[in-house]
Amino acid sequence: MCCKEVKPADLFAKGMQLVRDGKTREAISTFVEFTRKHTKSGLADNAYYNLGICHKELQDFVKAAVFFKIVLIQYPNSDAAPWARDQLEDLENLMDPASEIFIKAEQALIEDSLEDAWTGFSKIMQDYPQSVLADNALFSLGMIARKKGDYKRAQQLFDQIVRDFPNSDAASNVDHII
């Protein structure tokens, strides 16, 4: 007998230690080994989740998304599922081509550079209307219009949010300010 079988918990713990040690690629190999050998283990959902985290850390967002989706599909009621859902949302923002523009526009807004912020948020609405950030960009445009005293334009933008993005967080925010 050449090799002793490693217990699932021990193999998982090894993967987690590799993550803590910053050995992401080795951790990936360990978690892949875990998912191949211990698919029925109570830790399988966490192994897939950690594969997603490791790939995200390596900025391999497509693979990260795949592993987070596996958690949601195969283990929808697990403790890892809500975390995987949050990570997928985060990845959507990272992979969204509008995210860099949004970050710069938000920075301009924080610095009270309303024209630069308006330009950035408008660019998102013009060039990336399907972006997951479109509702927030539109909301920011409404807030800028309001801050400039253009209440009619602000109301038009807020109405557009409620019409085009009725289930969004931006629509909820509109309800609170109107």
N, C-alpha and C. Protein backbone atom coordinates (compact mmCIF):
# COMPACT_ATOMS: atom_id res chain seq x y z
N MET A 1 0.85 -1.18 0.00
CA MET A 1 0.00 0.00 0.00
C MET A 1 0.89 1.23 0.00
N CYS A 2 0.80 2.04 -1.07
CA CYS A 2 1.72 3.16 -1.22
C CYS A 2 1.28 4.43 -0.53
N CYS A 3 0.01 4.67 -0.52
CA CYS A 3 -0.43 5.99 -0.03
C CYS A 3 -1.60 5.84 0.92
N LYS A 4 -1.59 6.64 1.95
CA LYS A 4 -2.70 6.67 2.90
C LYS A 4 -3.71 7.72 2.43
N GLU A 5 -4.98 7.35 2.40
CA GLU A 5 -6.04 8.27 1.97
C GLU A 5 -6.19 9.40 3.00
N VAL A 6 -6.17 10.62 2.54
CA VAL A 6 -6.32 11.79 3.41
C VAL A 6 -7.81 12.00 3.67
N LYS A 7 -8.17 12.26 4.91
CA LYS A 7 -9.56 12.51 5.27
C LYS A 7 -10.01 13.82 4.61
N PRO A 8 -11.31 13.89 4.24
CA PRO A 8 -11.81 15.12 3.61
C PRO A 8 -11.51 16.39 4.42
N ALA A 9 -11.75 16.36 5.71
CA ALA A 9 -11.52 17.55 6.54
C ALA A 9 -10.05 17.96 6.54
N ASP A 10 -9.16 16.97 6.51
CA ASP A 10 -7.73 17.27 6.50
C ASP A 10 -7.30 17.89 5.16
N LEU A 11 -7.84 17.34 4.08
CA LEU A 11 -7.50 17.89 2.76
C LEU A 11 -8.04 19.31 2.63
N PHE A 12 -9.25 19.54 3.10
CA PHE A 12 -9.83 20.89 3.07
C PHE A 12 -9.00 21.84 3.91
N ALA A 13 -8.62 21.41 5.11
CA ALA A 13 -7.80 22.24 6.00
C ALA A 13 -6.46 22.57 5.34
N LYS A 14 -5.90 21.62 4.61
CA LYS A 14 -4.64 21.87 3.88
C LYS A 14 -4.85 22.99 2.86
N GLY A 15 -5.97 22.93 2.12
CA GLY A 15 -6.27 23.98 1.15
C GLY A 15 -6.41 25.34 1.80
N MET A 16 -7.09 25.38 2.91
CA MET A 16 -7.28 26.66 3.63
C MET A 16 -5.94 27.20 4.14
N GLN A 17 -5.08 26.31 4.61
CA GLN A 17 -3.77 26.76 5.09
C GLN A 17 -2.95 27.33 3.93
N LEU A 18 -3.04 26.71 2.76
CA LEU A 18 -2.34 27.23 1.58
C LEU A 18 -2.86 28.62 1.22
N VAL A 19 -4.16 28.83 1.34
CA VAL A 19 -4.74 30.15 1.09
C VAL A 19 -4.15 31.16 2.08
N ARG A 20 -4.15 30.80 3.34
CA ARG A 20 -3.61 31.71 4.37
C ARG A 20 -2.13 32.01 4.15
N ASP A 21 -1.42 31.02 3.61
CA ASP A 21 0.02 31.19 3.34
C ASP A 21 0.29 31.94 2.04
N GLY A 22 -0.77 32.31 1.33
CA GLY A 22 -0.60 33.04 0.07
C GLY A 22 -0.20 32.16 -1.10
N LYS A 23 -0.36 30.87 -0.96
CA LYS A 23 -0.01 29.92 -2.02
C LYS A 23 -1.27 29.55 -2.81
N THR A 24 -1.77 30.54 -3.52
CA THR A 24 -3.08 30.44 -4.17
C THR A 24 -3.13 29.32 -5.19
N ARG A 25 -2.13 29.19 -6.03
CA ARG A 25 -2.16 28.14 -7.06
C ARG A 25 -2.13 26.75 -6.44
N GLU A 26 -1.35 26.59 -5.38
CA GLU A 26 -1.31 25.30 -4.69
C GLU A 26 -2.66 25.03 -4.02
N ALA A 27 -3.26 26.07 -3.49
CA ALA A 27 -4.58 25.92 -2.87
C ALA A 27 -5.60 25.47 -3.92
N ILE A 28 -5.52 26.05 -5.11
CA ILE A 28 -6.44 25.64 -6.18
C ILE A 28 -6.28 24.15 -6.45
N SER A 29 -5.04 23.69 -6.59
CA SER A 29 -4.81 22.26 -6.85
C SER A 29 -5.41 21.40 -5.74
N THR A 30 -5.25 21.83 -4.51
CA THR A 30 -5.77 21.07 -3.37
C THR A 30 -7.29 21.04 -3.38
N PHE A 31 -7.92 22.20 -3.65
CA PHE A 31 -9.39 22.23 -3.67
C PHE A 31 -9.94 21.45 -4.87
N VAL A 32 -9.24 21.47 -5.99
CA VAL A 32 -9.67 20.66 -7.14
C VAL A 32 -9.60 19.18 -6.77
N GLU A 33 -8.49 18.78 -6.14
CA GLU A 33 -8.36 17.40 -5.69
C GLU A 33 -9.52 17.05 -4.74
N PHE A 34 -9.83 17.95 -3.83
CA PHE A 34 -10.93 17.73 -2.89
C PHE A 34 -12.25 17.51 -3.64
N THR A 35 -12.53 18.40 -4.61
CA THR A 35 -13.82 18.30 -5.31
C THR A 35 -13.91 17.04 -6.17
N ARG A 36 -12.78 16.49 -6.58
CA ARG A 36 -12.79 15.25 -7.37
C ARG A 36 -12.97 14.02 -6.48
N LYS A 37 -12.39 14.08 -5.30
CA LYS A 37 -12.40 12.91 -4.41
C LYS A 37 -13.57 12.90 -3.42
N HIS A 38 -14.09 14.07 -3.09
CA HIS A 38 -15.06 14.15 -1.98
C HIS A 38 -16.29 14.98 -2.36
N THR A 39 -16.90 14.63 -3.49
CA THR A 39 -18.04 15.41 -3.98
C THR A 39 -19.24 15.37 -3.03
N LYS A 40 -19.36 14.35 -2.23
CA LYS A 40 -20.51 14.22 -1.32
C LYS A 40 -20.20 14.75 0.08
N SER A 41 -19.00 15.24 0.28
CA SER A 41 -18.62 15.76 1.60
C SER A 41 -19.41 17.02 1.93
N GLY A 42 -19.63 17.21 3.21
CA GLY A 42 -20.28 18.44 3.68
C GLY A 42 -19.42 19.68 3.46
N LEU A 43 -18.18 19.48 3.07
CA LEU A 43 -17.28 20.62 2.80
C LEU A 43 -17.13 20.91 1.31
N ALA A 44 -17.79 20.13 0.46
CA ALA A 44 -17.63 20.30 -0.99
C ALA A 44 -18.07 21.71 -1.43
N ASP A 45 -19.17 22.21 -0.87
CA ASP A 45 -19.63 23.54 -1.23
C ASP A 45 -18.57 24.60 -0.90
N ASN A 46 -17.94 24.42 0.26
CA ASN A 46 -16.90 25.37 0.67
C ASN A 46 -15.65 25.24 -0.18
N ALA A 47 -15.36 24.03 -0.64
CA ALA A 47 -14.20 23.84 -1.52
C ALA A 47 -14.44 24.56 -2.85
N TYR A 48 -15.65 24.43 -3.41
CA TYR A 48 -15.97 25.14 -4.66
C TYR A 48 -15.94 26.65 -4.44
N TYR A 49 -16.49 27.09 -3.32
CA TYR A 49 -16.47 28.52 -3.00
C TYR A 49 -15.03 29.03 -2.94
N ASN A 50 -14.16 28.29 -2.27
CA ASN A 50 -12.77 28.71 -2.15
C ASN A 50 -12.03 28.64 -3.48
N LEU A 51 -12.44 27.74 -4.36
CA LEU A 51 -11.88 27.77 -5.72
C LEU A 51 -12.25 29.09 -6.39
N GLY A 52 -13.48 29.53 -6.20
CA GLY A 52 -13.89 30.83 -6.74
C GLY A 52 -13.08 31.97 -6.17
N ILE A 53 -12.87 31.95 -4.86
CA ILE A 53 -12.10 33.00 -4.20
C ILE A 53 -10.66 33.02 -4.73
N CYS A 54 -10.07 31.85 -4.85
CA CYS A 54 -8.68 31.77 -5.34
C CYS A 54 -8.57 32.31 -6.77
N HIS A 55 -9.50 31.91 -7.63
CA HIS A 55 -9.45 32.41 -9.01
C HIS A 55 -9.72 33.91 -9.07
N LYS A 56 -10.58 34.39 -8.20
CA LYS A 56 -10.82 35.84 -8.15
C LYS A 56 -9.55 36.57 -7.74
N GLU A 57 -8.84 36.01 -6.76
CA GLU A 57 -7.59 36.62 -6.32
C GLU A 57 -6.56 36.68 -7.45
N LEU A 58 -6.59 35.66 -8.30
CA LEU A 58 -5.67 35.63 -9.45
C LEU A 58 -6.22 36.45 -10.63
N GLN A 59 -7.35 37.08 -10.43
CA GLN A 59 -8.05 37.89 -11.42
C GLN A 59 -8.49 37.08 -12.64
N ASP A 60 -8.75 35.82 -12.42
CA ASP A 60 -9.34 34.96 -13.44
C ASP A 60 -10.84 34.93 -13.14
N PHE A 61 -11.51 36.03 -13.50
CA PHE A 61 -12.88 36.26 -13.09
C PHE A 61 -13.87 35.27 -13.71
N VAL A 62 -13.59 34.81 -14.92
CA VAL A 62 -14.51 33.87 -15.56
C VAL A 62 -14.52 32.55 -14.78
N LYS A 63 -13.34 32.02 -14.46
CA LYS A 63 -13.29 30.78 -13.68
C LYS A 63 -13.88 30.99 -12.29
N ALA A 64 -13.61 32.14 -11.68
CA ALA A 64 -14.18 32.42 -10.36
C ALA A 64 -15.70 32.36 -10.43
N ALA A 65 -16.27 32.99 -11.44
CA ALA A 65 -17.72 33.00 -11.60
C ALA A 65 -18.27 31.59 -11.76
N VAL A 66 -17.56 30.75 -12.51
CA VAL A 66 -18.00 29.37 -12.72
C VAL A 66 -18.10 28.65 -11.37
N PHE A 67 -17.08 28.77 -10.54
CA PHE A 67 -17.09 28.07 -9.27
C PHE A 67 -18.16 28.62 -8.31
N PHE A 68 -18.38 29.92 -8.32
CA PHE A 68 -19.45 30.47 -7.49
C PHE A 68 -20.81 29.98 -7.98
N LYS A 69 -20.98 29.87 -9.29
CA LYS A 69 -22.25 29.37 -9.84
C LYS A 69 -22.45 27.90 -9.49
N ILE A 70 -21.37 27.13 -9.46
CA ILE A 70 -21.50 25.72 -9.05
C ILE A 70 -22.06 25.65 -7.63
N VAL A 71 -21.56 26.50 -6.75
CA VAL A 71 -22.07 26.52 -5.38
C VAL A 71 -23.58 26.80 -5.40
N LEU A 72 -23.99 27.80 -6.16
CA LEU A 72 -25.40 28.19 -6.17
C LEU A 72 -26.29 27.12 -6.80
N ILE A 73 -25.78 26.42 -7.80
CA ILE A 73 -26.59 25.40 -8.48
C ILE A 73 -26.59 24.07 -7.72
N GLN A 74 -25.42 23.61 -7.33
CA GLN A 74 -25.30 22.30 -6.69
C GLN A 74 -25.61 22.32 -5.19
N TYR A 75 -25.38 23.46 -4.56
CA TYR A 75 -25.53 23.55 -3.10
C TYR A 75 -26.31 24.81 -2.71
N PRO A 76 -27.52 24.98 -3.26
CA PRO A 76 -28.25 26.24 -3.07
C PRO A 76 -28.62 26.54 -1.62
N ASN A 77 -28.69 25.53 -0.78
CA ASN A 77 -29.08 25.74 0.62
C ASN A 77 -27.91 25.68 1.58
N SER A 78 -26.71 25.68 1.03
CA SER A 78 -25.53 25.56 1.89
C SER A 78 -25.16 26.90 2.52
N ASP A 79 -24.29 26.84 3.50
CA ASP A 79 -23.81 28.06 4.14
C ASP A 79 -22.98 28.91 3.18
N ALA A 80 -22.42 28.28 2.15
CA ALA A 80 -21.58 29.01 1.20
C ALA A 80 -22.40 29.74 0.13
N ALA A 81 -23.66 29.35 -0.06
CA ALA A 81 -24.47 29.93 -1.14
C ALA A 81 -24.64 31.45 -1.04
N PRO A 82 -25.00 32.01 0.11
CA PRO A 82 -25.15 33.47 0.17
C PRO A 82 -23.83 34.20 -0.12
N TRP A 83 -22.74 33.62 0.34
CA TRP A 83 -21.42 34.22 0.08
C TRP A 83 -21.09 34.14 -1.41
N ALA A 84 -21.42 33.02 -2.03
CA ALA A 84 -21.16 32.86 -3.46
C ALA A 84 -21.98 33.88 -4.26
N ARG A 85 -23.24 34.09 -3.84
CA ARG A 85 -24.10 35.06 -4.52
C ARG A 85 -23.49 36.47 -4.41
N ASP A 86 -23.00 36.82 -3.24
CA ASP A 86 -22.36 38.13 -3.06
C ASP A 86 -21.11 38.25 -3.91
N GLN A 87 -20.33 37.19 -3.98
CA GLN A 87 -19.11 37.21 -4.79
C GLN A 87 -19.45 37.36 -6.28
N LEU A 88 -20.51 36.70 -6.73
CA LEU A 88 -20.92 36.83 -8.13
C LEU A 88 -21.31 38.27 -8.45
N GLU A 89 -22.03 38.90 -7.54
CA GLU A 89 -22.39 40.31 -7.74
C GLU A 89 -21.14 41.17 -7.85
N ASP A 90 -20.21 40.92 -6.96
CA ASP A 90 -18.95 41.65 -6.98
C ASP A 90 -18.21 41.43 -8.30
N LEU A 91 -18.21 40.20 -8.77
CA LEU A 91 -17.54 39.90 -10.05
C LEU A 91 -18.23 40.59 -11.22
N GLU A 92 -19.56 40.64 -11.19
CA GLU A 92 -20.27 41.33 -12.26
C GLU A 92 -19.82 42.78 -12.34
N ASN A 93 -19.64 43.39 -11.17
CA ASN A 93 -19.16 44.77 -11.16
C ASN A 93 -17.73 44.87 -11.67
N LEU A 94 -16.89 43.92 -11.27
CA LEU A 94 -15.49 43.94 -11.72
C LEU A 94 -15.37 43.70 -13.22
N MET A 95 -16.24 42.83 -13.75
CA MET A 95 -16.16 42.48 -15.17
C MET A 95 -16.94 43.47 -16.05
N ASP A 96 -17.72 44.31 -15.43
CA ASP A 96 -18.52 45.28 -16.17
C ASP A 96 -17.61 46.36 -16.73
N PRO A 97 -17.64 46.58 -18.05
CA PRO A 97 -16.76 47.59 -18.64
C PRO A 97 -17.04 49.01 -18.13
N ALA A 98 -18.22 49.22 -17.56
CA ALA A 98 -18.56 50.54 -17.05
C ALA A 98 -18.01 50.78 -15.64
N SER A 99 -17.48 49.75 -15.00
CA SER A 99 -17.08 49.89 -13.59
C SER A 99 -15.99 50.94 -13.38
N GLU A 100 -15.00 50.99 -14.26
CA GLU A 100 -13.93 51.99 -14.10
C GLU A 100 -14.46 53.41 -14.26
N ILE A 101 -15.36 53.59 -15.22
CA ILE A 101 -15.96 54.91 -15.43
C ILE A 101 -16.79 55.28 -14.21
N PHE A 102 -17.53 54.31 -13.69
CA PHE A 102 -18.37 54.56 -12.51
C PHE A 102 -17.51 54.98 -11.32
N ILE A 103 -16.42 54.28 -11.10
CA ILE A 103 -15.53 54.59 -9.98
C ILE A 103 -15.00 56.02 -10.11
N LYS A 104 -14.56 56.40 -11.30
CA LYS A 104 -14.03 57.76 -11.51
C LYS A 104 -15.13 58.81 -11.34
N ALA A 105 -16.31 58.52 -11.86
CA ALA A 105 -17.43 59.47 -11.72
C ALA A 105 -17.83 59.61 -10.25
N GLU A 106 -17.81 58.51 -9.53
CA GLU A 106 -18.15 58.54 -8.10
C GLU A 106 -17.10 59.35 -7.33
N GLN A 107 -15.84 59.17 -7.69
CA GLN A 107 -14.78 59.96 -7.05
C GLN A 107 -14.98 61.45 -7.32
N ALA A 108 -15.33 61.77 -8.56
CA ALA A 108 -15.58 63.18 -8.90
C ALA A 108 -16.75 63.72 -8.08
N LEU A 109 -17.78 62.90 -7.90
CA LEU A 109 -18.94 63.33 -7.12
C LEU A 109 -18.55 63.57 -5.66
N ILE A 110 -17.75 62.68 -5.12
CA ILE A 110 -17.28 62.84 -3.74
C ILE A 110 -16.47 64.12 -3.59
N GLU A 111 -15.69 64.44 -4.61
CA GLU A 111 -14.86 65.65 -4.58
C GLU A 111 -15.64 66.90 -4.99
N ASP A 112 -16.97 66.74 -5.19
CA ASP A 112 -17.87 67.82 -5.56
C ASP A 112 -17.54 68.42 -6.93
N SER A 113 -16.94 67.62 -7.80
CA SER A 113 -16.69 68.03 -9.18
C SER A 113 -17.88 67.54 -10.01
N LEU A 114 -18.97 68.29 -9.92
CA LEU A 114 -20.24 67.84 -10.49
C LEU A 114 -20.20 67.66 -12.01
N GLU A 115 -19.48 68.51 -12.70
CA GLU A 115 -19.42 68.38 -14.18
C GLU A 115 -18.71 67.09 -14.59
N ASP A 116 -17.59 66.79 -13.92
CA ASP A 116 -16.87 65.56 -14.24
C ASP A 116 -17.70 64.33 -13.89
N ALA A 117 -18.39 64.39 -12.75
CA ALA A 117 -19.26 63.29 -12.35
C ALA A 117 -20.39 63.12 -13.36
N TRP A 118 -21.00 64.23 -13.76
CA TRP A 118 -22.10 64.19 -14.75
C TRP A 118 -21.61 63.55 -16.05
N THR A 119 -20.43 63.95 -16.49
CA THR A 119 -19.86 63.41 -17.73
C THR A 119 -19.67 61.90 -17.62
N GLY A 120 -19.11 61.43 -16.50
CA GLY A 120 -18.87 60.00 -16.32
C GLY A 120 -20.15 59.18 -16.26
N PHE A 121 -21.09 59.62 -15.45
CA PHE A 121 -22.35 58.88 -15.34
C PHE A 121 -23.14 58.91 -16.65
N SER A 122 -23.06 60.03 -17.36
CA SER A 122 -23.73 60.13 -18.67
C SER A 122 -23.11 59.17 -19.67
N LYS A 123 -21.79 59.04 -19.61
CA LYS A 123 -21.09 58.12 -20.52
C LYS A 123 -21.55 56.68 -20.29
N ILE A 124 -21.75 56.32 -19.04
CA ILE A 124 -22.25 54.97 -18.74
C ILE A 124 -23.62 54.77 -19.38
N MET A 125 -24.50 55.75 -19.23
CA MET A 125 -25.85 55.62 -19.78
C MET A 125 -25.84 55.60 -21.31
N GLN A 126 -24.89 56.32 -21.89
CA GLN A 126 -24.81 56.37 -23.35
C GLN A 126 -24.13 55.13 -23.92
N ASP A 127 -23.00 54.74 -23.35
CA ASP A 127 -22.20 53.66 -23.93
C ASP A 127 -22.50 52.28 -23.35
N TYR A 128 -23.01 52.22 -22.11
CA TYR A 128 -23.24 50.94 -21.44
C TYR A 128 -24.60 50.89 -20.76
N PRO A 129 -25.68 51.12 -21.50
CA PRO A 129 -27.00 51.16 -20.86
C PRO A 129 -27.43 49.82 -20.25
N GLN A 130 -26.79 48.72 -20.65
CA GLN A 130 -27.12 47.40 -20.09
C GLN A 130 -26.24 47.04 -18.89
N SER A 131 -25.37 47.94 -18.50
CA SER A 131 -24.48 47.71 -17.37
C SER A 131 -25.27 47.47 -16.09
N VAL A 132 -24.71 46.64 -15.21
CA VAL A 132 -25.34 46.44 -13.91
C VAL A 132 -25.27 47.71 -13.07
N LEU A 133 -24.48 48.67 -13.51
CA LEU A 133 -24.34 49.94 -12.79
C LEU A 133 -25.22 51.05 -13.38
N ALA A 134 -25.96 50.76 -14.43
CA ALA A 134 -26.75 51.79 -15.11
C ALA A 134 -27.77 52.44 -14.17
N ASP A 135 -28.45 51.65 -13.37
CA ASP A 135 -29.45 52.24 -12.46
C ASP A 135 -28.80 53.19 -11.47
N ASN A 136 -27.62 52.81 -10.96
CA ASN A 136 -26.92 53.68 -10.01
C ASN A 136 -26.37 54.93 -10.69
N ALA A 137 -25.92 54.79 -11.94
CA ALA A 137 -25.44 55.95 -12.69
C ALA A 137 -26.59 56.93 -12.90
N LEU A 138 -27.74 56.41 -13.27
CA LEU A 138 -28.92 57.25 -13.49
C LEU A 138 -29.35 57.94 -12.19
N PHE A 139 -29.29 57.22 -11.09
CA PHE A 139 -29.63 57.80 -9.80
C PHE A 139 -28.66 58.94 -9.46
N SER A 140 -27.38 58.72 -9.70
CA SER A 140 -26.39 59.76 -9.43
C SER A 140 -26.62 60.98 -10.30
N LEU A 141 -27.02 60.76 -11.56
CA LEU A 141 -27.34 61.89 -12.43
C LEU A 141 -28.52 62.69 -11.85
N GLY A 142 -29.52 61.97 -11.34
CA GLY A 142 -30.66 62.65 -10.73
C GLY A 142 -30.25 63.46 -9.51
N MET A 143 -29.37 62.90 -8.71
CA MET A 143 -28.90 63.62 -7.52
C MET A 143 -28.07 64.85 -7.89
N ILE A 144 -27.28 64.72 -8.95
CA ILE A 144 -26.49 65.87 -9.41
C ILE A 144 -27.42 66.97 -9.92
N ALA A 145 -28.41 66.58 -10.73
CA ALA A 145 -29.36 67.57 -11.25
C ALA A 145 -30.06 68.27 -10.09
N ARG A 146 -30.43 67.51 -9.10
CA ARG A 146 -31.08 68.08 -7.92
C ARG A 146 -30.15 69.05 -7.19
N LYS A 147 -28.90 68.63 -7.04
CA LYS A 147 -27.92 69.48 -6.35
C LYS A 147 -27.70 70.79 -7.10
N LYS A 148 -27.81 70.74 -8.43
CA LYS A 148 -27.65 71.94 -9.25
C LYS A 148 -28.92 72.78 -9.28
N GLY A 149 -29.99 72.30 -8.68
CA GLY A 149 -31.24 73.05 -8.65
C GLY A 149 -32.15 72.77 -9.83
N ASP A 150 -31.82 71.78 -10.67
CA ASP A 150 -32.65 71.44 -11.82
C ASP A 150 -33.60 70.30 -11.40
N TYR A 151 -34.62 70.68 -10.64
CA TYR A 151 -35.52 69.69 -10.06
C TYR A 151 -36.36 68.97 -11.10
N LYS A 152 -36.68 69.66 -12.19
CA LYS A 152 -37.46 69.03 -13.26
C LYS A 152 -36.65 67.90 -13.90
N ARG A 153 -35.39 68.16 -14.21
CA ARG A 153 -34.53 67.14 -14.80
C ARG A 153 -34.29 65.99 -13.82
N ALA A 154 -34.11 66.33 -12.56
CA ALA A 154 -33.93 65.30 -11.53
C ALA A 154 -35.14 64.38 -11.49
N GLN A 155 -36.33 64.97 -11.51
CA GLN A 155 -37.55 64.16 -11.46
C GLN A 155 -37.66 63.26 -12.69
N GLN A 156 -37.30 63.78 -13.86
CA GLN A 156 -37.33 62.96 -15.08
C GLN A 156 -36.39 61.75 -14.95
N LEU A 157 -35.21 62.00 -14.39
CA LEU A 157 -34.24 60.91 -14.22
C LEU A 157 -34.75 59.89 -13.19
N PHE A 158 -35.33 60.38 -12.10
CA PHE A 158 -35.86 59.47 -11.09
C PHE A 158 -37.03 58.66 -11.65
N ASP A 159 -37.88 59.30 -12.45
CA ASP A 159 -39.00 58.59 -13.09
C ASP A 159 -38.47 57.51 -14.03
N GLN A 160 -37.38 57.82 -14.73
CA GLN A 160 -36.78 56.85 -15.65
C GLN A 160 -36.25 55.63 -14.88
N ILE A 161 -35.68 55.86 -13.71
CA ILE A 161 -35.18 54.75 -12.90
C ILE A 161 -36.34 53.82 -12.53
N VAL A 162 -37.41 54.41 -12.03
CA VAL A 162 -38.57 53.61 -11.60
C VAL A 162 -39.16 52.85 -12.79
N ARG A 163 -39.17 53.47 -13.96
CA ARG A 163 -39.72 52.85 -15.16
C ARG A 163 -38.80 51.75 -15.70
N ASP A 164 -37.50 52.07 -15.84
CA ASP A 164 -36.58 51.15 -16.49
C ASP A 164 -35.93 50.12 -15.55
N PHE A 165 -35.85 50.46 -14.27
CA PHE A 165 -35.18 49.59 -13.30
C PHE A 165 -36.04 49.43 -12.03
N PRO A 166 -37.28 48.96 -12.20
CA PRO A 166 -38.23 48.97 -11.08
C PRO A 166 -37.81 48.15 -9.86
N ASN A 167 -37.01 47.11 -10.04
CA ASN A 167 -36.64 46.24 -8.94
C ASN A 167 -35.23 46.50 -8.42
N SER A 168 -34.65 47.62 -8.80
CA SER A 168 -33.27 47.91 -8.44
C SER A 168 -33.16 48.62 -7.10
N ASP A 169 -31.96 48.62 -6.57
CA ASP A 169 -31.72 49.37 -5.34
C ASP A 169 -31.89 50.87 -5.59
N ALA A 170 -31.58 51.32 -6.80
CA ALA A 170 -31.75 52.74 -7.13
C ALA A 170 -33.24 53.13 -7.07
N ALA A 171 -34.12 52.24 -7.56
CA ALA A 171 -35.56 52.52 -7.51
C ALA A 171 -36.02 52.63 -6.06
N SER A 172 -35.48 51.78 -5.20
CA SER A 172 -35.82 51.87 -3.77
C SER A 172 -35.37 53.19 -3.19
N ASN A 173 -34.19 53.64 -3.60
CA ASN A 173 -33.68 54.92 -3.11
C ASN A 173 -34.54 56.08 -3.60
N VAL A 174 -35.05 55.98 -4.82
CA VAL A 174 -35.91 57.03 -5.36
C VAL A 174 -37.14 57.17 -4.47
N ASP A 175 -37.70 56.02 -4.05
CA ASP A 175 -38.88 56.05 -3.18
C ASP A 175 -38.61 56.82 -1.89
N HIS A 176 -37.37 56.76 -1.41
CA HIS A 176 -37.03 57.42 -0.15
C HIS A 176 -36.80 58.92 -0.29
N ILE A 177 -36.47 59.39 -1.49
CA ILE A 177 -36.17 60.81 -1.64
C ILE A 177 -37.31 61.61 -2.23
N ILE A 178 -38.27 60.95 -2.82
CA ILE A 178 -39.40 61.68 -3.43
C ILE A 178 -40.45 61.97 -2.40
